[in-house]
Amino acid sequence: MTEPDRGERDPGLAAERTRLAWRRTAIAFAAVGGIMLKTSIIAGAVVLAMSPLIWALGYLAAPHPDSARAAPRLRLVSITITVVAAVALIVSFTARGR
């Protein structure tokens, strides 16, 4: 019986791990948004509204074997993450607690 080459990896597993990481991030955003609702309804609602977007980004961010198709996806994911972070920062500075 031969041992599998350590250099070979199943690209399907990498994609699944990436999707799972994005799902955990989306769940964390939803949890933080729910907690934020207690102090600021607007800020909490904005963070909660971003959770489905982050969940959907998990499918775009997953590695793809075709590198020519991966570059535009990675660019889209990077831009979206930057926009989400900027919106969260703006909301955190402008929202007022009770």
PDB file of N, CA and C in Angstrom:
ATOM      1  N   MET A   1       0.856  -1.174   0.000  1.00  0.00           N
ATOM      2  CA  MET A   1       0.000   0.000   0.000  1.00  0.00           C
ATOM      3  C   MET A   1       0.903   1.239   0.000  1.00  0.00           C
ATOM      4  N   THR A   2       0.632   2.131  -0.908  1.00  0.00           N
ATOM      5  CA  THR A   2       1.458   3.334  -1.009  1.00  0.00           C
ATOM      6  C   THR A   2       0.852   4.457  -0.207  1.00  0.00           C
ATOM      7  N   GLU A   3       1.723   5.274   0.299  1.00  0.00           N
ATOM      8  CA  GLU A   3       1.278   6.420   1.085  1.00  0.00           C
ATOM      9  C   GLU A   3       1.017   7.596   0.144  1.00  0.00           C
ATOM     10  N   PRO A   4      -0.091   8.345   0.326  1.00  0.00           N
ATOM     11  CA  PRO A   4      -0.366   9.475  -0.563  1.00  0.00           C
ATOM     12  C   PRO A   4       0.699  10.558  -0.412  1.00  0.00           C
ATOM     13  N   ASP A   5       0.967  11.212  -1.521  1.00  0.00           N
ATOM     14  CA  ASP A   5       1.959  12.289  -1.528  1.00  0.00           C
ATOM     15  C   ASP A   5       1.447  13.448  -0.679  1.00  0.00           C
ATOM     16  N   ARG A   6       2.285  13.927   0.235  1.00  0.00           N
ATOM     17  CA  ARG A   6       1.873  15.018   1.127  1.00  0.00           C
ATOM     18  C   ARG A   6       1.669  16.324   0.366  1.00  0.00           C
ATOM     19  N   GLY A   7       2.253  16.453  -0.802  1.00  0.00           N
ATOM     20  CA  GLY A   7       2.107  17.675  -1.590  1.00  0.00           C
ATOM     21  C   GLY A   7       0.751  17.774  -2.272  1.00  0.00           C
ATOM     22  N   GLU A   8       0.093  16.626  -2.458  1.00  0.00           N
ATOM     23  CA  GLU A   8      -1.214  16.638  -3.112  1.00  0.00           C
ATOM     24  C   GLU A   8      -2.305  16.917  -2.091  1.00  0.00           C
ATOM     25  N   ARG A   9      -3.187  17.802  -2.457  1.00  0.00           N
ATOM     26  CA  ARG A   9      -4.318  18.118  -1.572  1.00  0.00           C
ATOM     27  C   ARG A   9      -5.582  18.169  -2.401  1.00  0.00           C
ATOM     28  N   ASP A  10      -6.657  17.860  -1.769  1.00  0.00           N
ATOM     29  CA  ASP A  10      -7.939  17.906  -2.443  1.00  0.00           C
ATOM     30  C   ASP A  10      -8.440  19.342  -2.442  1.00  0.00           C
ATOM     31  N   PRO A  11      -8.564  19.978  -3.626  1.00  0.00           N
ATOM     32  CA  PRO A  11      -9.020  21.369  -3.647  1.00  0.00           C
ATOM     33  C   PRO A  11     -10.447  21.527  -3.137  1.00  0.00           C
ATOM     34  N   GLY A  12     -11.230  20.457  -3.171  1.00  0.00           N
ATOM     35  CA  GLY A  12     -12.595  20.528  -2.658  1.00  0.00           C
ATOM     36  C   GLY A  12     -12.639  20.768  -1.165  1.00  0.00           C
ATOM     37  N   LEU A  13     -11.665  20.207  -0.449  1.00  0.00           N
ATOM     38  CA  LEU A  13     -11.619  20.400   0.999  1.00  0.00           C
ATOM     39  C   LEU A  13     -11.238  21.832   1.353  1.00  0.00           C
ATOM     40  N   ALA A  14     -10.350  22.424   0.587  1.00  0.00           N
ATOM     41  CA  ALA A  14      -9.972  23.813   0.844  1.00  0.00           C
ATOM     42  C   ALA A  14     -11.171  24.731   0.650  1.00  0.00           C
ATOM     43  N   ALA A  15     -11.938  24.477  -0.387  1.00  0.00           N
ATOM     44  CA  ALA A  15     -13.126  25.292  -0.636  1.00  0.00           C
ATOM     45  C   ALA A  15     -14.138  25.142   0.493  1.00  0.00           C
ATOM     46  N   GLU A  16     -14.305  23.923   0.964  1.00  0.00           N
ATOM     47  CA  GLU A  16     -15.264  23.694   2.048  1.00  0.00           C
ATOM     48  C   GLU A  16     -14.808  24.367   3.337  1.00  0.00           C
ATOM     49  N   ARG A  17     -13.512  24.296   3.638  1.00  0.00           N
ATOM     50  CA  ARG A  17     -13.003  24.973   4.835  1.00  0.00           C
ATOM     51  C   ARG A  17     -13.199  26.478   4.733  1.00  0.00           C
ATOM     52  N   THR A  18     -12.995  27.031   3.550  1.00  0.00           N
ATOM     53  CA  THR A  18     -13.186  28.472   3.359  1.00  0.00           C
ATOM     54  C   THR A  18     -14.650  28.842   3.573  1.00  0.00           C
ATOM     55  N   ARG A  19     -15.547  28.067   3.004  1.00  0.00           N
ATOM     56  CA  ARG A  19     -16.982  28.352   3.186  1.00  0.00           C
ATOM     57  C   ARG A  19     -17.367  28.271   4.670  1.00  0.00           C
ATOM     58  N   LEU A  20     -16.858  27.262   5.364  1.00  0.00           N
ATOM     59  CA  LEU A  20     -17.178  27.124   6.784  1.00  0.00           C
ATOM     60  C   LEU A  20     -16.642  28.301   7.596  1.00  0.00           C
ATOM     61  N   ALA A  21     -15.457  28.785   7.254  1.00  0.00           N
ATOM     62  CA  ALA A  21     -14.901  29.946   7.963  1.00  0.00           C
ATOM     63  C   ALA A  21     -15.773  31.174   7.737  1.00  0.00           C
ATOM     64  N   TRP A  22     -16.250  31.365   6.515  1.00  0.00           N
ATOM     65  CA  TRP A  22     -17.125  32.511   6.237  1.00  0.00           C
ATOM     66  C   TRP A  22     -18.463  32.361   6.955  1.00  0.00           C
ATOM     67  N   ARG A  23     -18.974  31.143   7.048  1.00  0.00           N
ATOM     68  CA  ARG A  23     -20.232  30.928   7.783  1.00  0.00           C
ATOM     69  C   ARG A  23     -20.049  31.273   9.256  1.00  0.00           C
ATOM     70  N   ARG A  24     -18.930  30.855   9.837  1.00  0.00           N
ATOM     71  CA  ARG A  24     -18.671  31.198  11.244  1.00  0.00           C
ATOM     72  C   ARG A  24     -18.570  32.709  11.411  1.00  0.00           C
ATOM     73  N   THR A  25     -17.959  33.386  10.466  1.00  0.00           N
ATOM     74  CA  THR A  25     -17.854  34.843  10.535  1.00  0.00           C
ATOM     75  C   THR A  25     -19.235  35.480  10.450  1.00  0.00           C
ATOM     76  N   ALA A  26     -20.080  34.979   9.566  1.00  0.00           N
ATOM     77  CA  ALA A  26     -21.434  35.517   9.443  1.00  0.00           C
ATOM     78  C   ALA A  26     -22.237  35.295  10.719  1.00  0.00           C
ATOM     79  N   ILE A  27     -22.087  34.126  11.327  1.00  0.00           N
ATOM     80  CA  ILE A  27     -22.784  33.846  12.584  1.00  0.00           C
ATOM     81  C   ILE A  27     -22.280  34.771  13.683  1.00  0.00           C
ATOM     82  N   ALA A  28     -20.972  35.023  13.695  1.00  0.00           N
ATOM     83  CA  ALA A  28     -20.413  35.945  14.692  1.00  0.00           C
ATOM     84  C   ALA A  28     -20.952  37.352  14.483  1.00  0.00           C
ATOM     85  N   PHE A  29     -21.064  37.796  13.215  1.00  0.00           N
ATOM     86  CA  PHE A  29     -21.639  39.109  12.938  1.00  0.00           C
ATOM     87  C   PHE A  29     -23.075  39.173  13.433  1.00  0.00           C
ATOM     88  N   ALA A  30     -23.850  38.117  13.212  1.00  0.00           N
ATOM     89  CA  ALA A  30     -25.238  38.102  13.672  1.00  0.00           C
ATOM     90  C   ALA A  30     -25.307  38.163  15.196  1.00  0.00           C
ATOM     91  N   ALA A  31     -24.417  37.452  15.862  1.00  0.00           N
ATOM     92  CA  ALA A  31     -24.409  37.470  17.331  1.00  0.00           C
ATOM     93  C   ALA A  31     -24.039  38.854  17.849  1.00  0.00           C
ATOM     94  N   VAL A  32     -23.011  39.456  17.267  1.00  0.00           N
ATOM     95  CA  VAL A  32     -22.607  40.797  17.698  1.00  0.00           C
ATOM     96  C   VAL A  32     -23.708  41.805  17.387  1.00  0.00           C
ATOM     97  N   GLY A  33     -24.334  41.666  16.219  1.00  0.00           N
ATOM     98  CA  GLY A  33     -25.448  42.560  15.877  1.00  0.00           C
ATOM     99  C   GLY A  33     -26.605  42.429  16.852  1.00  0.00           C
ATOM    100  N   GLY A  34     -26.899  41.196  17.264  1.00  0.00           N
ATOM    101  CA  GLY A  34     -27.964  40.988  18.248  1.00  0.00           C
ATOM    102  C   GLY A  34     -27.643  41.630  19.584  1.00  0.00           C
ATOM    103  N   ILE A  35     -26.388  41.541  19.990  1.00  0.00           N
ATOM    104  CA  ILE A  35     -25.976  42.179  21.241  1.00  0.00           C
ATOM    105  C   ILE A  35     -26.024  43.697  21.098  1.00  0.00           C
ATOM    106  N   MET A  36     -25.608  44.195  19.923  1.00  0.00           N
ATOM    107  CA  MET A  36     -25.610  45.645  19.699  1.00  0.00           C
ATOM    108  C   MET A  36     -27.023  46.220  19.700  1.00  0.00           C
ATOM    109  N   LEU A  37     -28.016  45.407  19.379  1.00  0.00           N
ATOM    110  CA  LEU A  37     -29.405  45.883  19.383  1.00  0.00           C
ATOM    111  C   LEU A  37     -29.822  46.385  20.761  1.00  0.00           C
ATOM    112  N   LYS A  38     -29.210  45.855  21.809  1.00  0.00           N
ATOM    113  CA  LYS A  38     -29.559  46.276  23.169  1.00  0.00           C
ATOM    114  C   LYS A  38     -29.133  47.711  23.453  1.00  0.00           C
ATOM    115  N   THR A  39     -28.035  48.145  22.812  1.00  0.00           N
ATOM    116  CA  THR A  39     -27.532  49.494  23.083  1.00  0.00           C
ATOM    117  C   THR A  39     -27.863  50.480  21.976  1.00  0.00           C
ATOM    118  N   SER A  40     -27.855  50.016  20.740  1.00  0.00           N
ATOM    119  CA  SER A  40     -28.140  50.901  19.614  1.00  0.00           C
ATOM    120  C   SER A  40     -28.865  50.110  18.530  1.00  0.00           C
ATOM    121  N   ILE A  41     -30.117  50.427  18.340  1.00  0.00           N
ATOM    122  CA  ILE A  41     -30.937  49.676  17.391  1.00  0.00           C
ATOM    123  C   ILE A  41     -30.413  49.843  15.962  1.00  0.00           C
ATOM    124  N   ILE A  42     -30.024  51.048  15.581  1.00  0.00           N
ATOM    125  CA  ILE A  42     -29.559  51.290  14.213  1.00  0.00           C
ATOM    126  C   ILE A  42     -28.259  50.534  13.952  1.00  0.00           C
ATOM    127  N   ALA A  43     -27.295  50.659  14.832  1.00  0.00           N
ATOM    128  CA  ALA A  43     -26.013  49.975  14.637  1.00  0.00           C
ATOM    129  C   ALA A  43     -26.204  48.458  14.626  1.00  0.00           C
ATOM    130  N   GLY A  44     -27.017  47.944  15.527  1.00  0.00           N
ATOM    131  CA  GLY A  44     -27.275  46.505  15.559  1.00  0.00           C
ATOM    132  C   GLY A  44     -27.961  46.016  14.305  1.00  0.00           C
ATOM    133  N   ALA A  45     -28.913  46.809  13.810  1.00  0.00           N
ATOM    134  CA  ALA A  45     -29.625  46.425  12.581  1.00  0.00           C
ATOM    135  C   ALA A  45     -28.687  46.415  11.379  1.00  0.00           C
ATOM    136  N   VAL A  46     -27.774  47.366  11.312  1.00  0.00           N
ATOM    137  CA  VAL A  46     -26.815  47.404  10.207  1.00  0.00           C
ATOM    138  C   VAL A  46     -25.906  46.182  10.242  1.00  0.00           C
ATOM    139  N   VAL A  47     -25.406  45.850  11.412  1.00  0.00           N
ATOM    140  CA  VAL A  47     -24.527  44.681  11.536  1.00  0.00           C
ATOM    141  C   VAL A  47     -25.304  43.402  11.232  1.00  0.00           C
ATOM    142  N   LEU A  48     -26.535  43.301  11.706  1.00  0.00           N
ATOM    143  CA  LEU A  48     -27.361  42.137  11.384  1.00  0.00           C
ATOM    144  C   LEU A  48     -27.633  42.042   9.887  1.00  0.00           C
ATOM    145  N   ALA A  49     -27.846  43.178   9.239  1.00  0.00           N
ATOM    146  CA  ALA A  49     -28.102  43.176   7.797  1.00  0.00           C
ATOM    147  C   ALA A  49     -26.877  42.738   6.999  1.00  0.00           C
ATOM    148  N   MET A  50     -25.694  42.911   7.560  1.00  0.00           N
ATOM    149  CA  MET A  50     -24.476  42.496   6.862  1.00  0.00           C
ATOM    150  C   MET A  50     -24.235  40.994   6.966  1.00  0.00           C
ATOM    151  N   SER A  51     -24.844  40.328   7.909  1.00  0.00           N
ATOM    152  CA  SER A  51     -24.609  38.896   8.110  1.00  0.00           C
ATOM    153  C   SER A  51     -24.921  38.047   6.872  1.00  0.00           C
ATOM    154  N   PRO A  52     -26.079  38.225   6.226  1.00  0.00           N
ATOM    155  CA  PRO A  52     -26.334  37.428   5.011  1.00  0.00           C
ATOM    156  C   PRO A  52     -25.346  37.740   3.881  1.00  0.00           C
ATOM    157  N   LEU A  53     -24.906  38.989   3.790  1.00  0.00           N
ATOM    158  CA  LEU A  53     -23.923  39.347   2.775  1.00  0.00           C
ATOM    159  C   LEU A  53     -22.619  38.602   3.019  1.00  0.00           C
ATOM    160  N   ILE A  54     -22.191  38.545   4.259  1.00  0.00           N
ATOM    161  CA  ILE A  54     -20.955  37.839   4.592  1.00  0.00           C
ATOM    162  C   ILE A  54     -21.114  36.342   4.330  1.00  0.00           C
ATOM    163  N   TRP A  55     -22.274  35.801   4.638  1.00  0.00           N
ATOM    164  CA  TRP A  55     -22.549  34.390   4.386  1.00  0.00           C
ATOM    165  C   TRP A  55     -22.419  34.102   2.886  1.00  0.00           C
ATOM    166  N   ALA A  56     -23.004  34.981   2.053  1.00  0.00           N
ATOM    167  CA  ALA A  56     -22.947  34.798   0.598  1.00  0.00           C
ATOM    168  C   ALA A  56     -21.526  34.951   0.062  1.00  0.00           C
ATOM    169  N   LEU A  57     -20.744  35.809   0.678  1.00  0.00           N
ATOM    170  CA  LEU A  57     -19.364  35.993   0.226  1.00  0.00           C
ATOM    171  C   LEU A  57     -18.537  34.722   0.396  1.00  0.00           C
ATOM    172  N   GLY A  58     -18.945  33.861   1.300  1.00  0.00           N
ATOM    173  CA  GLY A  58     -18.233  32.607   1.494  1.00  0.00           C
ATOM    174  C   GLY A  58     -18.182  31.763   0.243  1.00  0.00           C
ATOM    175  N   TYR A  59     -19.229  31.829  -0.556  1.00  0.00           N
ATOM    176  CA  TYR A  59     -19.242  31.067  -1.798  1.00  0.00           C
ATOM    177  C   TYR A  59     -18.349  31.700  -2.864  1.00  0.00           C
ATOM    178  N   LEU A  60     -18.248  33.015  -2.836  1.00  0.00           N
ATOM    179  CA  LEU A  60     -17.374  33.687  -3.798  1.00  0.00           C
ATOM    180  C   LEU A  60     -15.909  33.572  -3.405  1.00  0.00           C
ATOM    181  N   ALA A  61     -15.637  33.511  -2.124  1.00  0.00           N
ATOM    182  CA  ALA A  61     -14.259  33.506  -1.643  1.00  0.00           C
ATOM    183  C   ALA A  61     -13.618  32.135  -1.699  1.00  0.00           C
ATOM    184  N   ALA A  62     -14.408  31.095  -1.868  1.00  0.00           N
ATOM    185  CA  ALA A  62     -13.851  29.740  -1.879  1.00  0.00           C
ATOM    186  C   ALA A  62     -12.863  29.585  -3.033  1.00  0.00           C
ATOM    187  N   PRO A  63     -11.760  28.914  -2.774  1.00  0.00           N
ATOM    188  CA  PRO A  63     -10.759  28.727  -3.833  1.00  0.00           C
ATOM    189  C   PRO A  63     -11.342  27.997  -5.037  1.00  0.00           C
ATOM    190  N   HIS A  64     -10.908  28.400  -6.192  1.00  0.00           N
ATOM    191  CA  HIS A  64     -11.363  27.791  -7.427  1.00  0.00           C
ATOM    192  C   HIS A  64     -10.148  27.277  -8.176  1.00  0.00           C
ATOM    193  N   PRO A  65     -10.214  26.083  -8.736  1.00  0.00           N
ATOM    194  CA  PRO A  65      -9.035  25.539  -9.407  1.00  0.00           C
ATOM    195  C   PRO A  65      -8.586  26.355 -10.616  1.00  0.00           C
ATOM    196  N   ASP A  66      -9.489  27.067 -11.240  1.00  0.00           N
ATOM    197  CA  ASP A  66      -9.146  27.884 -12.404  1.00  0.00           C
ATOM    198  C   ASP A  66      -8.680  29.254 -11.914  1.00  0.00           C
ATOM    199  N   SER A  67      -7.385  29.497 -11.931  1.00  0.00           N
ATOM    200  CA  SER A  67      -6.847  30.744 -11.372  1.00  0.00           C
ATOM    201  C   SER A  67      -7.268  31.970 -12.158  1.00  0.00           C
ATOM    202  N   ALA A  68      -7.582  31.818 -13.438  1.00  0.00           N
ATOM    203  CA  ALA A  68      -8.033  32.974 -14.227  1.00  0.00           C
ATOM    204  C   ALA A  68      -9.382  33.475 -13.723  1.00  0.00           C
ATOM    205  N   ARG A  69     -10.222  32.570 -13.252  1.00  0.00           N
ATOM    206  CA  ARG A  69     -11.522  32.969 -12.709  1.00  0.00           C
ATOM    207  C   ARG A  69     -11.412  33.396 -11.262  1.00  0.00           C
ATOM    208  N   ALA A  70     -10.355  32.985 -10.573  1.00  0.00           N
ATOM    209  CA  ALA A  70     -10.210  33.278  -9.154  1.00  0.00           C
ATOM    210  C   ALA A  70      -9.840  34.734  -8.898  1.00  0.00           C
ATOM    211  N   ALA A  71      -9.062  35.358  -9.765  1.00  0.00           N
ATOM    212  CA  ALA A  71      -8.599  36.733  -9.534  1.00  0.00           C
ATOM    213  C   ALA A  71      -9.749  37.737  -9.438  1.00  0.00           C
ATOM    214  N   PRO A  72     -10.703  37.760 -10.369  1.00  0.00           N
ATOM    215  CA  PRO A  72     -11.819  38.708 -10.212  1.00  0.00           C
ATOM    216  C   PRO A  72     -12.657  38.438  -8.961  1.00  0.00           C
ATOM    217  N   ARG A  73     -12.829  37.165  -8.624  1.00  0.00           N
ATOM    218  CA  ARG A  73     -13.579  36.835  -7.407  1.00  0.00           C
ATOM    219  C   ARG A  73     -12.872  37.362  -6.179  1.00  0.00           C
ATOM    220  N   LEU A  74     -11.565  37.158  -6.119  1.00  0.00           N
ATOM    221  CA  LEU A  74     -10.795  37.619  -4.974  1.00  0.00           C
ATOM    222  C   LEU A  74     -10.849  39.141  -4.865  1.00  0.00           C
ATOM    223  N   ARG A  75     -10.788  39.812  -5.982  1.00  0.00           N
ATOM    224  CA  ARG A  75     -10.886  41.279  -5.994  1.00  0.00           C
ATOM    225  C   ARG A  75     -12.255  41.719  -5.470  1.00  0.00           C
ATOM    226  N   LEU A  76     -13.325  41.058  -5.929  1.00  0.00           N
ATOM    227  CA  LEU A  76     -14.678  41.393  -5.471  1.00  0.00           C
ATOM    228  C   LEU A  76     -14.818  41.162  -3.975  1.00  0.00           C
ATOM    229  N   VAL A  77     -14.308  40.052  -3.492  1.00  0.00           N
ATOM    230  CA  VAL A  77     -14.387  39.753  -2.065  1.00  0.00           C
ATOM    231  C   VAL A  77     -13.599  40.785  -1.260  1.00  0.00           C
ATOM    232  N   SER A  78     -12.419  41.147  -1.727  1.00  0.00           N
ATOM    233  CA  SER A  78     -11.590  42.135  -1.017  1.00  0.00           C
ATOM    234  C   SER A  78     -12.277  43.492  -0.947  1.00  0.00           C
ATOM    235  N   ILE A  79     -12.854  43.921  -2.045  1.00  0.00           N
ATOM    236  CA  ILE A  79     -13.557  45.211  -2.064  1.00  0.00           C
ATOM    237  C   ILE A  79     -14.765  45.166  -1.138  1.00  0.00           C
ATOM    238  N   THR A  80     -15.517  44.086  -1.183  1.00  0.00           N
ATOM    239  CA  THR A  80     -16.708  43.976  -0.337  1.00  0.00           C
ATOM    240  C   THR A  80     -16.335  43.965   1.139  1.00  0.00           C
ATOM    241  N   ILE A  81     -15.286  43.255   1.501  1.00  0.00           N
ATOM    242  CA  ILE A  81     -14.848  43.227   2.905  1.00  0.00           C
ATOM    243  C   ILE A  81     -14.449  44.629   3.356  1.00  0.00           C
ATOM    244  N   THR A  82     -13.750  45.352   2.499  1.00  0.00           N
ATOM    245  CA  THR A  82     -13.342  46.708   2.841  1.00  0.00           C
ATOM    246  C   THR A  82     -14.550  47.607   3.041  1.00  0.00           C
ATOM    247  N   VAL A  83     -15.542  47.485   2.172  1.00  0.00           N
ATOM    248  CA  VAL A  83     -16.762  48.304   2.290  1.00  0.00           C
ATOM    249  C   VAL A  83     -17.519  47.943   3.564  1.00  0.00           C
ATOM    250  N   VAL A  84     -17.650  46.644   3.850  1.00  0.00           N
ATOM    251  CA  VAL A  84     -18.352  46.218   5.065  1.00  0.00           C
ATOM    252  C   VAL A  84     -17.641  46.753   6.303  1.00  0.00           C
ATOM    253  N   ALA A  85     -16.322  46.669   6.327  1.00  0.00           N
ATOM    254  CA  ALA A  85     -15.562  47.176   7.469  1.00  0.00           C
ATOM    255  C   ALA A  85     -15.726  48.688   7.610  1.00  0.00           C
ATOM    256  N   ALA A  86     -15.710  49.415   6.492  1.00  0.00           N
ATOM    257  CA  ALA A  86     -15.881  50.868   6.541  1.00  0.00           C
ATOM    258  C   ALA A  86     -17.272  51.232   7.054  1.00  0.00           C
ATOM    259  N   VAL A  87     -18.293  50.535   6.584  1.00  0.00           N
ATOM    260  CA  VAL A  87     -19.659  50.804   7.052  1.00  0.00           C
ATOM    261  C   VAL A  87     -19.770  50.512   8.548  1.00  0.00           C
ATOM    262  N   ALA A  88     -19.196  49.402   8.990  1.00  0.00           N
ATOM    263  CA  ALA A  88     -19.238  49.070  10.419  1.00  0.00           C
ATOM    264  C   ALA A  88     -18.515  50.123  11.252  1.00  0.00           C
ATOM    265  N   LEU A  89     -17.400  50.619  10.748  1.00  0.00           N
ATOM    266  CA  LEU A  89     -16.663  51.659  11.459  1.00  0.00           C
ATOM    267  C   LEU A  89     -17.470  52.954  11.536  1.00  0.00           C
ATOM    268  N   ILE A  90     -18.073  53.348  10.432  1.00  0.00           N
ATOM    269  CA  ILE A  90     -18.890  54.572  10.403  1.00  0.00           C
ATOM    270  C   ILE A  90     -20.078  54.435  11.347  1.00  0.00           C
ATOM    271  N   VAL A  91     -20.743  53.291  11.304  1.00  0.00           N
ATOM    272  CA  VAL A  91     -21.906  53.076  12.175  1.00  0.00           C
ATOM    273  C   VAL A  91     -21.477  53.093  13.639  1.00  0.00           C
ATOM    274  N   SER A  92     -20.345  52.500  13.953  1.00  0.00           N
ATOM    275  CA  SER A  92     -19.918  52.472  15.349  1.00  0.00           C
ATOM    276  C   SER A  92     -19.578  53.860  15.877  1.00  0.00           C
ATOM    277  N   PHE A  93     -19.106  54.751  15.020  1.00  0.00           N
ATOM    278  CA  PHE A  93     -18.781  56.101  15.459  1.00  0.00           C
ATOM    279  C   PHE A  93     -19.999  57.036  15.474  1.00  0.00           C
ATOM    280  N   THR A  94     -20.963  56.785  14.602  1.00  0.00           N
ATOM    281  CA  THR A  94     -22.113  57.690  14.516  1.00  0.00           C
ATOM    282  C   THR A  94     -23.311  57.240  15.326  1.00  0.00           C
ATOM    283  N   ALA A  95     -23.428  55.963  15.634  1.00  0.00           N
ATOM    284  CA  ALA A  95     -24.593  55.484  16.393  1.00  0.00           C
ATOM    285  C   ALA A  95     -24.470  55.911  17.844  1.00  0.00           C
ATOM    286  N   ARG A  96     -25.575  56.276  18.392  1.00  0.00           N
ATOM    287  CA  ARG A  96     -25.592  56.734  19.790  1.00  0.00           C
ATOM    288  C   ARG A  96     -26.266  55.672  20.647  1.00  0.00           C
ATOM    289  N   GLY A  97     -25.676  55.418  21.779  1.00  0.00           N
ATOM    290  CA  GLY A  97     -26.262  54.462  22.737  1.00  0.00           C
ATOM    291  C   GLY A  97     -27.363  55.131  23.524  1.00  0.00           C
ATOM    292  N   ARG A  98     -28.157  54.324  24.200  1.00  0.00           N
ATOM    293  CA  ARG A  98     -29.268  54.867  24.997  1.00  0.00           C
ATOM    294  C   ARG A  98     -28.794  55.283  26.354  1.00  0.00           C
TER     295      ARG A  98
END
